[in-house]
Amino acid sequence: MLSETTTVVHGGTDALGVPAHDFSTNRNACGPCPAAVQALQAAHSAQYPDPHYTDVCAQLAAFHGVAPERIVIGGSSSELIHRLTQHAVRHGATAITLPQHHYGDYLQAAQVWGLHAQSRGSAQGETAAPAHLHWACEPSSPLGVPETMWGDWPHSAAPRGGEPAWHVLDCAYRPLWLEGAAPQRDSDALWQLWTPNKALGMTGVRAAYAIAPVHASAQALQALRWLAPSWVVGAHGVTMLQAWVTPQVQQWLAHSLQQLRDWKAQQLALCARLGWQVVPGHQANYFVARLPVGDMAACLAAWRAQGIKLRDCASFGLPGHVRLGVLPPASQAALEQAWRSMP
């Protein structure tokens, strides 16, 4: 059983405002995408969007090559994580499985609904009772690696003999895969969560969507939609999702990936110069490194006061480590100066 008291920690803006050099989030540092910003400026902010999101669902479905009824619009990936968890509980789920290191909202949602949570790959997880809701993220957070337990995902029976177990792949960072090709997965058999604002470098705009597996019944999908409030996504979120699937925006994303690869190579070289031990296997626009410092909290606080923010990985179960999103050379230079000026 995982901890019963979990505080969800996030990077990005905090009580001190927006960091000048924010390594703590995984957004695309080449953004915000100009074409998406232009679309947002023309959004119909004076009116409600269609409460059924008919057009945007059709556009997202065509982009992914699936039926429109498989698209479920969400306020954000985090909102969909909590809604899917509630949906699973209503259909009899009693336990979940998680990667060893994972996004905190998976566990928080489970604890809110009283679900037993177990980490895949642990000795305890191998002997625990069957779970009905299974989370994965690829590339993973914080490590940015492929899902190593994919072949061992349990195929447990439905909790009440009806809908199969829920296997959810969080695709938050798949558009930001930098090293080689992303592995192909059986998307028809999985729930998928997509969060375009990270790839577009505009995480301040909240909107996301889920793609249901082909076996999801119409009744189950309707029940999931009914769990959301009316207009769960506003006009700007709808506009961002519509911009996401356009050729112009996808072309910008493809070009940005090459820039991110160049910046990442420079940032990895910087870590080597500073004596930071980078955890291998990373394939996205972020990675984890161990810092040779005695008091991590004091070090990060001192840098934050200088406008530099890194993501402490203690909440991921990796004390002594930080996650660094890839940033431009100017931010890397500020980080190096802050490190070398430490007493």
C-alpha atoms as a PDB file:
ATOM      1  CA  MET A   1       0.000   0.000   0.000  1.00  0.00           C
ATOM      2  CA  LEU A   2       1.362   3.404  -0.939  1.00  0.00           C
ATOM      3  CA  SER A   3       1.337   6.388   1.399  1.00  0.00           C
ATOM      4  CA  GLU A   4      -2.103   7.490   2.543  1.00  0.00           C
ATOM      5  CA  THR A   5      -1.044  11.144   2.758  1.00  0.00           C
ATOM      6  CA  THR A   6       0.124  12.551  -0.533  1.00  0.00           C
ATOM      7  CA  THR A   7       0.746  16.215  -1.277  1.00  0.00           C
ATOM      8  CA  VAL A   8       0.720  16.855  -5.006  1.00  0.00           C
ATOM      9  CA  VAL A   9       3.731  18.957  -5.987  1.00  0.00           C
ATOM     10  CA  HIS A  10       3.860  20.860  -9.280  1.00  0.00           C
ATOM     11  CA  GLY A  11       6.476  22.922 -11.055  1.00  0.00           C
ATOM     12  CA  GLY A  12       5.976  26.304 -12.695  1.00  0.00           C
ATOM     13  CA  THR A  13       4.497  29.490 -11.274  1.00  0.00           C
ATOM     14  CA  ASP A  14       4.417  29.716  -7.482  1.00  0.00           C
ATOM     15  CA  ALA A  15       3.930  32.335  -4.752  1.00  0.00           C
ATOM     16  CA  LEU A  16       6.988  34.186  -6.063  1.00  0.00           C
ATOM     17  CA  GLY A  17       5.444  34.507  -9.518  1.00  0.00           C
ATOM     18  CA  VAL A  18       6.677  33.244 -12.881  1.00  0.00           C
ATOM     19  CA  PRO A  19      10.332  32.130 -12.731  1.00  0.00           C
ATOM     20  CA  ALA A  20      12.605  33.884 -15.220  1.00  0.00           C
ATOM     21  CA  HIS A  21      14.293  30.570 -15.974  1.00  0.00           C
ATOM     22  CA  ASP A  22      11.792  27.794 -15.347  1.00  0.00           C
ATOM     23  CA  PHE A  23      13.401  24.359 -15.644  1.00  0.00           C
ATOM     24  CA  SER A  24      10.670  22.907 -13.395  1.00  0.00           C
ATOM     25  CA  THR A  25       8.041  22.241 -16.074  1.00  0.00           C
ATOM     26  CA  ASN A  26       8.121  20.056 -19.182  1.00  0.00           C
ATOM     27  CA  ARG A  27       6.488  22.475 -21.598  1.00  0.00           C
ATOM     28  CA  ASN A  28       7.986  23.045 -25.029  1.00  0.00           C
ATOM     29  CA  ALA A  29      10.451  25.891 -24.439  1.00  0.00           C
ATOM     30  CA  CYS A  30      10.165  26.935 -28.105  1.00  0.00           C
ATOM     31  CA  GLY A  31       6.590  28.041 -27.476  1.00  0.00           C
ATOM     32  CA  PRO A  32       4.091  29.377 -27.225  1.00  0.00           C
ATOM     33  CA  CYS A  33       3.300  28.277 -30.773  1.00  0.00           C
ATOM     34  CA  PRO A  34       2.677  31.483 -32.793  1.00  0.00           C
ATOM     35  CA  ALA A  35      -0.120  30.002 -34.919  1.00  0.00           C
ATOM     36  CA  ALA A  36      -1.937  28.748 -31.826  1.00  0.00           C
ATOM     37  CA  VAL A  37      -1.561  32.132 -30.136  1.00  0.00           C
ATOM     38  CA  GLN A  38      -3.009  33.815 -33.217  1.00  0.00           C
ATOM     39  CA  ALA A  39      -5.974  31.439 -33.114  1.00  0.00           C
ATOM     40  CA  LEU A  40      -6.554  32.209 -29.426  1.00  0.00           C
ATOM     41  CA  GLN A  41      -6.626  35.924 -30.149  1.00  0.00           C
ATOM     42  CA  ALA A  42      -9.558  35.292 -32.495  1.00  0.00           C
ATOM     43  CA  ALA A  43     -11.437  32.977 -30.099  1.00  0.00           C
ATOM     44  CA  HIS A  44     -15.127  33.738 -29.452  1.00  0.00           C
ATOM     45  CA  SER A  45     -14.635  34.610 -25.794  1.00  0.00           C
ATOM     46  CA  ALA A  46     -18.009  36.392 -25.554  1.00  0.00           C
ATOM     47  CA  GLN A  47     -19.944  33.167 -26.116  1.00  0.00           C
ATOM     48  CA  TYR A  48     -20.247  29.708 -24.638  1.00  0.00           C
ATOM     49  CA  PRO A  49     -18.744  26.951 -26.747  1.00  0.00           C
ATOM     50  CA  ASP A  50     -20.946  24.122 -27.975  1.00  0.00           C
ATOM     51  CA  PRO A  51     -21.653  22.122 -24.756  1.00  0.00           C
ATOM     52  CA  HIS A  52     -21.294  18.869 -26.712  1.00  0.00           C
ATOM     53  CA  TYR A  53     -18.052  19.953 -28.420  1.00  0.00           C
ATOM     54  CA  THR A  54     -19.292  18.466 -31.683  1.00  0.00           C
ATOM     55  CA  ASP A  55     -16.870  20.117 -34.106  1.00  0.00           C
ATOM     56  CA  VAL A  56     -13.726  19.813 -32.011  1.00  0.00           C
ATOM     57  CA  CYS A  57     -14.462  16.133 -31.277  1.00  0.00           C
ATOM     58  CA  ALA A  58     -14.815  15.484 -35.005  1.00  0.00           C
ATOM     59  CA  GLN A  59     -11.547  17.298 -35.717  1.00  0.00           C
ATOM     60  CA  LEU A  60      -9.631  15.434 -33.002  1.00  0.00           C
ATOM     61  CA  ALA A  61     -11.112  12.120 -34.157  1.00  0.00           C
ATOM     62  CA  ALA A  62     -10.035  12.743 -37.752  1.00  0.00           C
ATOM     63  CA  PHE A  63      -6.529  13.683 -36.552  1.00  0.00           C
ATOM     64  CA  HIS A  64      -6.163  10.388 -34.665  1.00  0.00           C
ATOM     65  CA  GLY A  65      -8.115   8.248 -37.123  1.00  0.00           C
ATOM     66  CA  VAL A  66     -10.792   7.173 -34.641  1.00  0.00           C
ATOM     67  CA  ALA A  67     -14.572   7.491 -34.411  1.00  0.00           C
ATOM     68  CA  PRO A  68     -15.751  10.830 -32.937  1.00  0.00           C
ATOM     69  CA  GLU A  69     -17.712   9.089 -30.181  1.00  0.00           C
ATOM     70  CA  ARG A  70     -14.408   7.847 -28.740  1.00  0.00           C
ATOM     71  CA  ILE A  71     -13.291  11.425 -27.932  1.00  0.00           C
ATOM     72  CA  VAL A  72     -13.996  12.766 -24.422  1.00  0.00           C
ATOM     73  CA  ILE A  73     -13.157  16.430 -23.813  1.00  0.00           C
ATOM     74  CA  GLY A  74     -11.612  17.370 -20.455  1.00  0.00           C
ATOM     75  CA  GLY A  75     -10.654  20.493 -18.587  1.00  0.00           C
ATOM     76  CA  SER A  76      -7.075  19.224 -18.369  1.00  0.00           C
ATOM     77  CA  SER A  77      -5.228  15.941 -18.094  1.00  0.00           C
ATOM     78  CA  SER A  78      -5.472  16.238 -14.309  1.00  0.00           C
ATOM     79  CA  GLU A  79      -9.236  16.759 -14.515  1.00  0.00           C
ATOM     80  CA  LEU A  80      -9.567  13.657 -16.680  1.00  0.00           C
ATOM     81  CA  ILE A  81      -7.387  11.652 -14.273  1.00  0.00           C
ATOM     82  CA  HIS A  82      -9.764  12.469 -11.425  1.00  0.00           C
ATOM     83  CA  ARG A  83     -12.846  11.885 -13.584  1.00  0.00           C
ATOM     84  CA  LEU A  84     -11.629   8.525 -14.902  1.00  0.00           C
ATOM     85  CA  THR A  85     -10.836   7.454 -11.352  1.00  0.00           C
ATOM     86  CA  GLN A  86     -14.317   8.396 -10.181  1.00  0.00           C
ATOM     87  CA  HIS A  87     -15.815   6.626 -13.192  1.00  0.00           C
ATOM     88  CA  ALA A  88     -13.863   3.453 -12.390  1.00  0.00           C
ATOM     89  CA  VAL A  89     -14.963   3.582  -8.744  1.00  0.00           C
ATOM     90  CA  ARG A  90     -18.621   3.903  -9.762  1.00  0.00           C
ATOM     91  CA  HIS A  91     -18.184   0.732 -11.815  1.00  0.00           C
ATOM     92  CA  GLY A  92     -16.651  -1.262  -8.984  1.00  0.00           C
ATOM     93  CA  ALA A  93     -12.921  -0.587  -9.094  1.00  0.00           C
ATOM     94  CA  THR A  94     -11.206  -1.075  -5.748  1.00  0.00           C
ATOM     95  CA  ALA A  95      -7.493  -0.782  -6.564  1.00  0.00           C
ATOM     96  CA  ILE A  96      -5.056   0.814  -9.001  1.00  0.00           C
ATOM     97  CA  THR A  97      -1.512   0.146 -10.180  1.00  0.00           C
ATOM     98  CA  LEU A  98       1.088   2.838 -10.824  1.00  0.00           C
ATOM     99  CA  PRO A  99       4.595   3.122 -12.257  1.00  0.00           C
ATOM    100  CA  GLN A 100       7.270   3.254  -9.565  1.00  0.00           C
ATOM    101  CA  HIS A 101       7.808   6.973 -10.268  1.00  0.00           C
ATOM    102  CA  HIS A 102       4.727   8.831 -11.432  1.00  0.00           C
ATOM    103  CA  TYR A 103       2.661  12.014 -11.646  1.00  0.00           C
ATOM    104  CA  GLY A 104       1.118  12.750  -8.263  1.00  0.00           C
ATOM    105  CA  ASP A 105      -2.474  13.198  -9.435  1.00  0.00           C
ATOM    106  CA  TYR A 106      -2.851   9.469 -10.156  1.00  0.00           C
ATOM    107  CA  LEU A 107      -2.307   8.657  -6.502  1.00  0.00           C
ATOM    108  CA  GLN A 108      -4.168  11.692  -5.189  1.00  0.00           C
ATOM    109  CA  ALA A 109      -7.289  10.744  -7.158  1.00  0.00           C
ATOM    110  CA  ALA A 110      -7.063   7.170  -5.875  1.00  0.00           C
ATOM    111  CA  GLN A 111      -6.798   8.329  -2.269  1.00  0.00           C
ATOM    112  CA  VAL A 112      -9.740  10.706  -2.660  1.00  0.00           C
ATOM    113  CA  TRP A 113     -11.897   7.724  -3.645  1.00  0.00           C
ATOM    114  CA  GLY A 114     -10.405   5.251  -1.191  1.00  0.00           C
ATOM    115  CA  LEU A 115      -8.715   3.017  -3.757  1.00  0.00           C
ATOM    116  CA  HIS A 116      -5.855   0.740  -2.804  1.00  0.00           C
ATOM    117  CA  ALA A 117      -2.740   1.795  -4.748  1.00  0.00           C
ATOM    118  CA  GLN A 118       0.241  -0.370  -5.548  1.00  0.00           C
ATOM    119  CA  SER A 119       3.453   0.281  -7.430  1.00  0.00           C
ATOM    120  CA  ARG A 120       4.104  -2.034 -10.384  1.00  0.00           C
ATOM    121  CA  GLY A 121       7.350  -3.949 -10.183  1.00  0.00           C
ATOM    122  CA  SER A 122       7.628  -3.843  -6.402  1.00  0.00           C
ATOM    123  CA  ALA A 123       7.575  -7.015  -4.339  1.00  0.00           C
ATOM    124  CA  GLN A 124       4.431  -5.819  -2.631  1.00  0.00           C
ATOM    125  CA  GLY A 125       2.796  -4.982  -5.950  1.00  0.00           C
ATOM    126  CA  GLU A 126       3.400  -8.491  -7.266  1.00  0.00           C
ATOM    127  CA  THR A 127       1.454 -10.069  -4.414  1.00  0.00           C
ATOM    128  CA  ALA A 128      -1.310  -7.505  -3.996  1.00  0.00           C
ATOM    129  CA  ALA A 129      -4.952  -8.047  -4.815  1.00  0.00           C
ATOM    130  CA  PRO A 130      -5.989  -7.600  -8.486  1.00  0.00           C
ATOM    131  CA  ALA A 131      -6.442  -4.000  -9.563  1.00  0.00           C
ATOM    132  CA  HIS A 132      -8.971  -2.630 -12.020  1.00  0.00           C
ATOM    133  CA  LEU A 133      -7.395   0.715 -12.971  1.00  0.00           C
ATOM    134  CA  HIS A 134      -3.857   0.868 -14.342  1.00  0.00           C
ATOM    135  CA  TRP A 135      -1.882   4.042 -15.095  1.00  0.00           C
ATOM    136  CA  ALA A 136       1.116   4.483 -17.388  1.00  0.00           C
ATOM    137  CA  CYS A 137       2.850   7.523 -18.861  1.00  0.00           C
ATOM    138  CA  GLU A 138       5.157   7.356 -21.867  1.00  0.00           C
ATOM    139  CA  PRO A 139       7.647   8.948 -21.951  1.00  0.00           C
ATOM    140  CA  SER A 140       7.403   8.799 -18.187  1.00  0.00           C
ATOM    141  CA  SER A 141       7.576  11.622 -15.714  1.00  0.00           C
ATOM    142  CA  PRO A 142       9.991  12.421 -14.236  1.00  0.00           C
ATOM    143  CA  LEU A 143      12.527  10.188 -15.999  1.00  0.00           C
ATOM    144  CA  GLY A 144      11.366  10.611 -19.602  1.00  0.00           C
ATOM    145  CA  VAL A 145      11.769   6.918 -20.417  1.00  0.00           C
ATOM    146  CA  PRO A 146       9.531   4.338 -22.131  1.00  0.00           C
ATOM    147  CA  GLU A 147       7.078   2.388 -19.974  1.00  0.00           C
ATOM    148  CA  THR A 148       9.237  -0.532 -18.796  1.00  0.00           C
ATOM    149  CA  MET A 149       6.365  -2.551 -17.318  1.00  0.00           C
ATOM    150  CA  TRP A 150       4.236  -2.483 -20.461  1.00  0.00           C
ATOM    151  CA  GLY A 151       4.285  -6.220 -21.075  1.00  0.00           C
ATOM    152  CA  ASP A 152       3.424  -6.875 -17.421  1.00  0.00           C
ATOM    153  CA  TRP A 153       0.327  -4.703 -17.291  1.00  0.00           C
ATOM    154  CA  PRO A 154      -2.314  -6.885 -15.639  1.00  0.00           C
ATOM    155  CA  HIS A 155      -5.275  -7.971 -17.757  1.00  0.00           C
ATOM    156  CA  SER A 156      -7.624  -8.407 -14.840  1.00  0.00           C
ATOM    157  CA  ALA A 157     -11.288  -9.170 -15.238  1.00  0.00           C
ATOM    158  CA  ALA A 158     -13.942  -6.527 -14.981  1.00  0.00           C
ATOM    159  CA  PRO A 159     -14.835  -5.701 -11.352  1.00  0.00           C
ATOM    160  CA  ARG A 160     -18.479  -6.517 -11.962  1.00  0.00           C
ATOM    161  CA  GLY A 161     -18.233  -8.785 -14.946  1.00  0.00           C
ATOM    162  CA  GLY A 162     -18.942  -5.990 -17.450  1.00  0.00           C
ATOM    163  CA  GLU A 163     -16.517  -3.375 -18.714  1.00  0.00           C
ATOM    164  CA  PRO A 164     -12.889  -4.627 -18.863  1.00  0.00           C
ATOM    165  CA  ALA A 165     -10.234  -3.201 -16.580  1.00  0.00           C
ATOM    166  CA  TRP A 166      -9.181   0.366 -17.306  1.00  0.00           C
ATOM    167  CA  HIS A 167      -5.689   0.661 -18.786  1.00  0.00           C
ATOM    168  CA  VAL A 168      -4.817   4.340 -19.228  1.00  0.00           C
ATOM    169  CA  LEU A 169      -1.809   5.653 -21.156  1.00  0.00           C
ATOM    170  CA  ASP A 170      -0.977   9.273 -20.341  1.00  0.00           C
ATOM    171  CA  CYS A 171       0.350  10.712 -23.617  1.00  0.00           C
ATOM    172  CA  ALA A 172       1.227  14.119 -22.178  1.00  0.00           C
ATOM    173  CA  TYR A 173       4.790  14.046 -23.526  1.00  0.00           C
ATOM    174  CA  ARG A 174       4.558  11.766 -26.566  1.00  0.00           C
ATOM    175  CA  PRO A 175       4.526  14.774 -28.943  1.00  0.00           C
ATOM    176  CA  LEU A 176       7.814  15.852 -27.322  1.00  0.00           C
ATOM    177  CA  TRP A 177       9.665  12.571 -27.921  1.00  0.00           C
ATOM    178  CA  LEU A 178      13.177  13.560 -29.032  1.00  0.00           C
ATOM    179  CA  GLU A 179      15.273  10.381 -29.187  1.00  0.00           C
ATOM    180  CA  GLY A 180      14.234   8.039 -31.990  1.00  0.00           C
ATOM    181  CA  ALA A 181      10.671   6.966 -32.697  1.00  0.00           C
ATOM    182  CA  ALA A 182       8.076   6.561 -29.969  1.00  0.00           C
ATOM    183  CA  PRO A 183       7.042   2.906 -29.460  1.00  0.00           C
ATOM    184  CA  GLN A 184       3.802   1.865 -31.127  1.00  0.00           C
ATOM    185  CA  ARG A 185       1.078   0.795 -28.696  1.00  0.00           C
ATOM    186  CA  ASP A 186      -2.283  -0.864 -29.233  1.00  0.00           C
ATOM    187  CA  SER A 187      -4.258   2.351 -28.983  1.00  0.00           C
ATOM    188  CA  ASP A 188      -7.546   0.608 -29.701  1.00  0.00           C
ATOM    189  CA  ALA A 189      -7.236  -1.384 -26.464  1.00  0.00           C
ATOM    190  CA  LEU A 190      -6.282   1.541 -24.192  1.00  0.00           C
ATOM    191  CA  TRP A 191      -7.594   4.755 -22.810  1.00  0.00           C
ATOM    192  CA  GLN A 192      -5.329   7.601 -23.921  1.00  0.00           C
ATOM    193  CA  LEU A 193      -4.943  11.068 -22.393  1.00  0.00           C
ATOM    194  CA  TRP A 194      -3.694  13.873 -24.637  1.00  0.00           C
ATOM    195  CA  THR A 195      -2.595  17.299 -23.374  1.00  0.00           C
ATOM    196  CA  PRO A 196      -1.519  19.486 -26.329  1.00  0.00           C
ATOM    197  CA  ASN A 197      -0.723  22.566 -24.257  1.00  0.00           C
ATOM    198  CA  LYS A 198       2.642  21.085 -23.221  1.00  0.00           C
ATOM    199  CA  ALA A 199       3.766  20.467 -26.801  1.00  0.00           C
ATOM    200  CA  LEU A 200       2.522  23.922 -27.825  1.00  0.00           C
ATOM    201  CA  GLY A 201       4.379  25.624 -24.971  1.00  0.00           C
ATOM    202  CA  MET A 202       1.204  27.175 -23.577  1.00  0.00           C
ATOM    203  CA  THR A 203       0.372  25.341 -20.366  1.00  0.00           C
ATOM    204  CA  GLY A 204      -1.555  28.361 -19.131  1.00  0.00           C
ATOM    205  CA  VAL A 205      -4.386  27.345 -21.473  1.00  0.00           C
ATOM    206  CA  ARG A 206      -6.207  24.377 -19.948  1.00  0.00           C
ATOM    207  CA  ALA A 207      -7.826  21.750 -22.148  1.00  0.00           C
ATOM    208  CA  ALA A 208      -7.254  18.077 -22.906  1.00  0.00           C
ATOM    209  CA  TYR A 209      -9.021  15.019 -24.266  1.00  0.00           C
ATOM    210  CA  ALA A 210      -9.240  11.295 -23.805  1.00  0.00           C
ATOM    211  CA  ILE A 211      -9.537   8.674 -26.533  1.00  0.00           C
ATOM    212  CA  ALA A 212     -11.563   5.711 -25.378  1.00  0.00           C
ATOM    213  CA  PRO A 213     -10.676   2.150 -26.386  1.00  0.00           C
ATOM    214  CA  VAL A 214     -12.882   0.475 -28.970  1.00  0.00           C
ATOM    215  CA  HIS A 215     -14.406  -1.815 -26.337  1.00  0.00           C
ATOM    216  CA  ALA A 216     -15.802   1.112 -24.292  1.00  0.00           C
ATOM    217  CA  SER A 217     -19.581   0.994 -24.432  1.00  0.00           C
ATOM    218  CA  ALA A 218     -21.747   3.951 -25.394  1.00  0.00           C
ATOM    219  CA  GLN A 219     -23.320   3.810 -21.938  1.00  0.00           C
ATOM    220  CA  ALA A 220     -19.919   3.975 -20.225  1.00  0.00           C
ATOM    221  CA  LEU A 221     -18.819   6.918 -22.363  1.00  0.00           C
ATOM    222  CA  GLN A 222     -22.021   8.798 -21.657  1.00  0.00           C
ATOM    223  CA  ALA A 223     -21.634   8.149 -17.939  1.00  0.00           C
ATOM    224  CA  LEU A 224     -18.080   9.517 -18.089  1.00  0.00           C
ATOM    225  CA  ARG A 225     -19.254  12.657 -19.868  1.00  0.00           C
ATOM    226  CA  TRP A 226     -22.028  13.210 -17.332  1.00  0.00           C
ATOM    227  CA  LEU A 227     -19.433  13.360 -14.552  1.00  0.00           C
ATOM    228  CA  ALA A 228     -18.092  16.624 -16.010  1.00  0.00           C
ATOM    229  CA  PRO A 229     -19.685  20.013 -15.371  1.00  0.00           C
ATOM    230  CA  SER A 230     -21.272  21.870 -18.260  1.00  0.00           C
ATOM    231  CA  TRP A 231     -18.703  23.577 -20.508  1.00  0.00           C
ATOM    232  CA  VAL A 232     -15.792  21.850 -18.806  1.00  0.00           C
ATOM    233  CA  VAL A 233     -13.604  23.567 -21.440  1.00  0.00           C
ATOM    234  CA  GLY A 234     -14.095  27.209 -22.399  1.00  0.00           C
ATOM    235  CA  ALA A 235     -13.713  28.938 -25.736  1.00  0.00           C
ATOM    236  CA  HIS A 236      -9.929  29.343 -25.497  1.00  0.00           C
ATOM    237  CA  GLY A 237      -9.400  25.694 -24.626  1.00  0.00           C
ATOM    238  CA  VAL A 238     -11.559  24.627 -27.571  1.00  0.00           C
ATOM    239  CA  THR A 239      -9.616  26.938 -29.881  1.00  0.00           C
ATOM    240  CA  MET A 240      -6.308  25.498 -28.705  1.00  0.00           C
ATOM    241  CA  LEU A 241      -7.504  21.933 -29.364  1.00  0.00           C
ATOM    242  CA  GLN A 242      -8.692  22.922 -32.837  1.00  0.00           C
ATOM    243  CA  ALA A 243      -5.382  24.641 -33.589  1.00  0.00           C
ATOM    244  CA  TRP A 244      -3.491  21.572 -32.364  1.00  0.00           C
ATOM    245  CA  VAL A 245      -4.643  19.422 -35.295  1.00  0.00           C
ATOM    246  CA  THR A 246      -3.891  21.930 -38.058  1.00  0.00           C
ATOM    247  CA  PRO A 247      -0.985  21.316 -40.476  1.00  0.00           C
ATOM    248  CA  GLN A 248       0.544  24.690 -39.660  1.00  0.00           C
ATOM    249  CA  VAL A 249       0.783  23.937 -35.943  1.00  0.00           C
ATOM    250  CA  GLN A 250       2.025  20.383 -36.489  1.00  0.00           C
ATOM    251  CA  GLN A 251       4.727  21.719 -38.814  1.00  0.00           C
ATOM    252  CA  TRP A 252       5.805  24.208 -36.149  1.00  0.00           C
ATOM    253  CA  LEU A 253       5.962  21.378 -33.607  1.00  0.00           C
ATOM    254  CA  ALA A 254       8.143  19.261 -35.893  1.00  0.00           C
ATOM    255  CA  HIS A 255      10.574  22.149 -36.367  1.00  0.00           C
ATOM    256  CA  SER A 256      10.631  22.865 -32.639  1.00  0.00           C
ATOM    257  CA  LEU A 257      11.712  19.302 -31.856  1.00  0.00           C
ATOM    258  CA  GLN A 258      14.991  19.808 -33.713  1.00  0.00           C
ATOM    259  CA  GLN A 259      15.636  23.005 -31.774  1.00  0.00           C
ATOM    260  CA  LEU A 260      14.905  21.161 -28.532  1.00  0.00           C
ATOM    261  CA  ARG A 261      17.341  18.396 -29.503  1.00  0.00           C
ATOM    262  CA  ASP A 262      20.102  20.975 -29.987  1.00  0.00           C
ATOM    263  CA  TRP A 263      19.315  22.699 -26.692  1.00  0.00           C
ATOM    264  CA  LYS A 264      19.121  19.355 -24.894  1.00  0.00           C
ATOM    265  CA  ALA A 265      22.585  18.356 -26.113  1.00  0.00           C
ATOM    266  CA  GLN A 266      23.953  21.650 -24.768  1.00  0.00           C
ATOM    267  CA  GLN A 267      22.140  21.211 -21.460  1.00  0.00           C
ATOM    268  CA  LEU A 268      23.459  17.674 -21.013  1.00  0.00           C
ATOM    269  CA  ALA A 269      26.969  18.957 -21.699  1.00  0.00           C
ATOM    270  CA  LEU A 270      26.416  21.639 -19.057  1.00  0.00           C
ATOM    271  CA  CYS A 271      25.398  19.018 -16.494  1.00  0.00           C
ATOM    272  CA  ALA A 272      28.549  17.058 -17.271  1.00  0.00           C
ATOM    273  CA  ARG A 273      30.688  20.169 -16.715  1.00  0.00           C
ATOM    274  CA  LEU A 274      28.977  20.838 -13.402  1.00  0.00           C
ATOM    275  CA  GLY A 275      29.466  17.270 -12.187  1.00  0.00           C
ATOM    276  CA  TRP A 276      25.750  16.464 -12.121  1.00  0.00           C
ATOM    277  CA  GLN A 277      24.907  12.784 -12.637  1.00  0.00           C
ATOM    278  CA  VAL A 278      22.181  12.483 -15.288  1.00  0.00           C
ATOM    279  CA  VAL A 279      19.921   9.443 -15.009  1.00  0.00           C
ATOM    280  CA  PRO A 280      20.235   7.590 -18.350  1.00  0.00           C
ATOM    281  CA  GLY A 281      17.457   6.531 -20.710  1.00  0.00           C
ATOM    282  CA  HIS A 282      15.706   9.893 -21.126  1.00  0.00           C
ATOM    283  CA  GLN A 283      14.034  10.389 -24.517  1.00  0.00           C
ATOM    284  CA  ALA A 284      11.945  13.528 -24.047  1.00  0.00           C
ATOM    285  CA  ASN A 285      12.519  17.259 -23.557  1.00  0.00           C
ATOM    286  CA  TYR A 286      13.430  16.775 -19.895  1.00  0.00           C
ATOM    287  CA  PHE A 287      15.643  14.559 -17.766  1.00  0.00           C
ATOM    288  CA  VAL A 288      16.613  13.875 -14.161  1.00  0.00           C
ATOM    289  CA  ALA A 289      19.988  14.522 -12.550  1.00  0.00           C
ATOM    290  CA  ARG A 290      21.522  13.975  -9.115  1.00  0.00           C
ATOM    291  CA  LEU A 291      23.102  17.107  -7.674  1.00  0.00           C
ATOM    292  CA  PRO A 292      26.193  16.897  -5.446  1.00  0.00           C
ATOM    293  CA  VAL A 293      24.717  19.107  -2.704  1.00  0.00           C
ATOM    294  CA  GLY A 294      24.086  18.463   0.948  1.00  0.00           C
ATOM    295  CA  ASP A 295      20.946  20.540   1.435  1.00  0.00           C
ATOM    296  CA  MET A 296      18.816  20.284  -1.705  1.00  0.00           C
ATOM    297  CA  ALA A 297      15.952  22.386  -0.341  1.00  0.00           C
ATOM    298  CA  ALA A 298      18.249  25.281   0.600  1.00  0.00           C
ATOM    299  CA  CYS A 299      20.011  25.121  -2.750  1.00  0.00           C
ATOM    300  CA  LEU A 300      16.784  25.190  -4.760  1.00  0.00           C
ATOM    301  CA  ALA A 301      15.371  27.980  -2.592  1.00  0.00           C
ATOM    302  CA  ALA A 302      18.457  30.108  -3.189  1.00  0.00           C
ATOM    303  CA  TRP A 303      18.184  29.616  -6.932  1.00  0.00           C
ATOM    304  CA  ARG A 304      14.466  30.357  -6.869  1.00  0.00           C
ATOM    305  CA  ALA A 305      15.234  33.712  -5.261  1.00  0.00           C
ATOM    306  CA  GLN A 306      17.417  34.396  -8.307  1.00  0.00           C
ATOM    307  CA  GLY A 307      14.614  33.518 -10.720  1.00  0.00           C
ATOM    308  CA  ILE A 308      15.786  29.970 -11.458  1.00  0.00           C
ATOM    309  CA  LYS A 309      13.487  27.057 -10.661  1.00  0.00           C
ATOM    310  CA  LEU A 310      14.187  23.306 -10.847  1.00  0.00           C
ATOM    311  CA  ARG A 311      11.809  20.496  -9.925  1.00  0.00           C
ATOM    312  CA  ASP A 312      12.783  18.657  -6.748  1.00  0.00           C
ATOM    313  CA  CYS A 313      12.229  14.947  -7.400  1.00  0.00           C
ATOM    314  CA  ALA A 314      11.771  13.945  -3.754  1.00  0.00           C
ATOM    315  CA  SER A 315       8.004  13.726  -4.280  1.00  0.00           C
ATOM    316  CA  PHE A 316       8.668  11.290  -7.131  1.00  0.00           C
ATOM    317  CA  GLY A 317      10.598   9.039  -4.770  1.00  0.00           C
ATOM    318  CA  LEU A 318      13.982  10.307  -6.006  1.00  0.00           C
ATOM    319  CA  PRO A 319      15.521  12.398  -3.197  1.00  0.00           C
ATOM    320  CA  GLY A 320      18.694  14.228  -4.118  1.00  0.00           C
ATOM    321  CA  HIS A 321      17.572  14.529  -7.735  1.00  0.00           C
ATOM    322  CA  VAL A 322      16.044  17.295  -9.829  1.00  0.00           C
ATOM    323  CA  ARG A 323      14.086  17.223 -13.064  1.00  0.00           C
ATOM    324  CA  LEU A 324      15.158  19.736 -15.675  1.00  0.00           C
ATOM    325  CA  GLY A 325      13.069  20.760 -18.634  1.00  0.00           C
ATOM    326  CA  VAL A 326      15.183  21.687 -21.643  1.00  0.00           C
ATOM    327  CA  LEU A 327      15.574  25.490 -21.913  1.00  0.00           C
ATOM    328  CA  PRO A 328      17.444  27.843 -24.291  1.00  0.00           C
ATOM    329  CA  PRO A 329      21.167  28.659 -23.874  1.00  0.00           C
ATOM    330  CA  ALA A 330      20.479  31.929 -22.010  1.00  0.00           C
ATOM    331  CA  SER A 331      18.671  30.042 -19.253  1.00  0.00           C
ATOM    332  CA  GLN A 332      21.382  27.403 -19.186  1.00  0.00           C
ATOM    333  CA  ALA A 333      23.982  30.144 -18.729  1.00  0.00           C
ATOM    334  CA  ALA A 334      22.001  31.589 -15.812  1.00  0.00           C
ATOM    335  CA  LEU A 335      21.879  28.143 -14.208  1.00  0.00           C
ATOM    336  CA  GLU A 336      25.619  27.654 -14.614  1.00  0.00           C
ATOM    337  CA  GLN A 337      26.366  31.070 -13.108  1.00  0.00           C
ATOM    338  CA  ALA A 338      24.091  30.345 -10.137  1.00  0.00           C
ATOM    339  CA  TRP A 339      25.820  27.006  -9.523  1.00  0.00           C
ATOM    340  CA  ARG A 340      29.330  28.408  -9.751  1.00  0.00           C
ATOM    341  CA  SER A 341      28.491  31.330  -7.456  1.00  0.00           C
ATOM    342  CA  MET A 342      27.386  29.023  -4.640  1.00  0.00           C
ATOM    343  CA  PRO A 343      29.517  29.378  -1.490  1.00  0.00           C
END
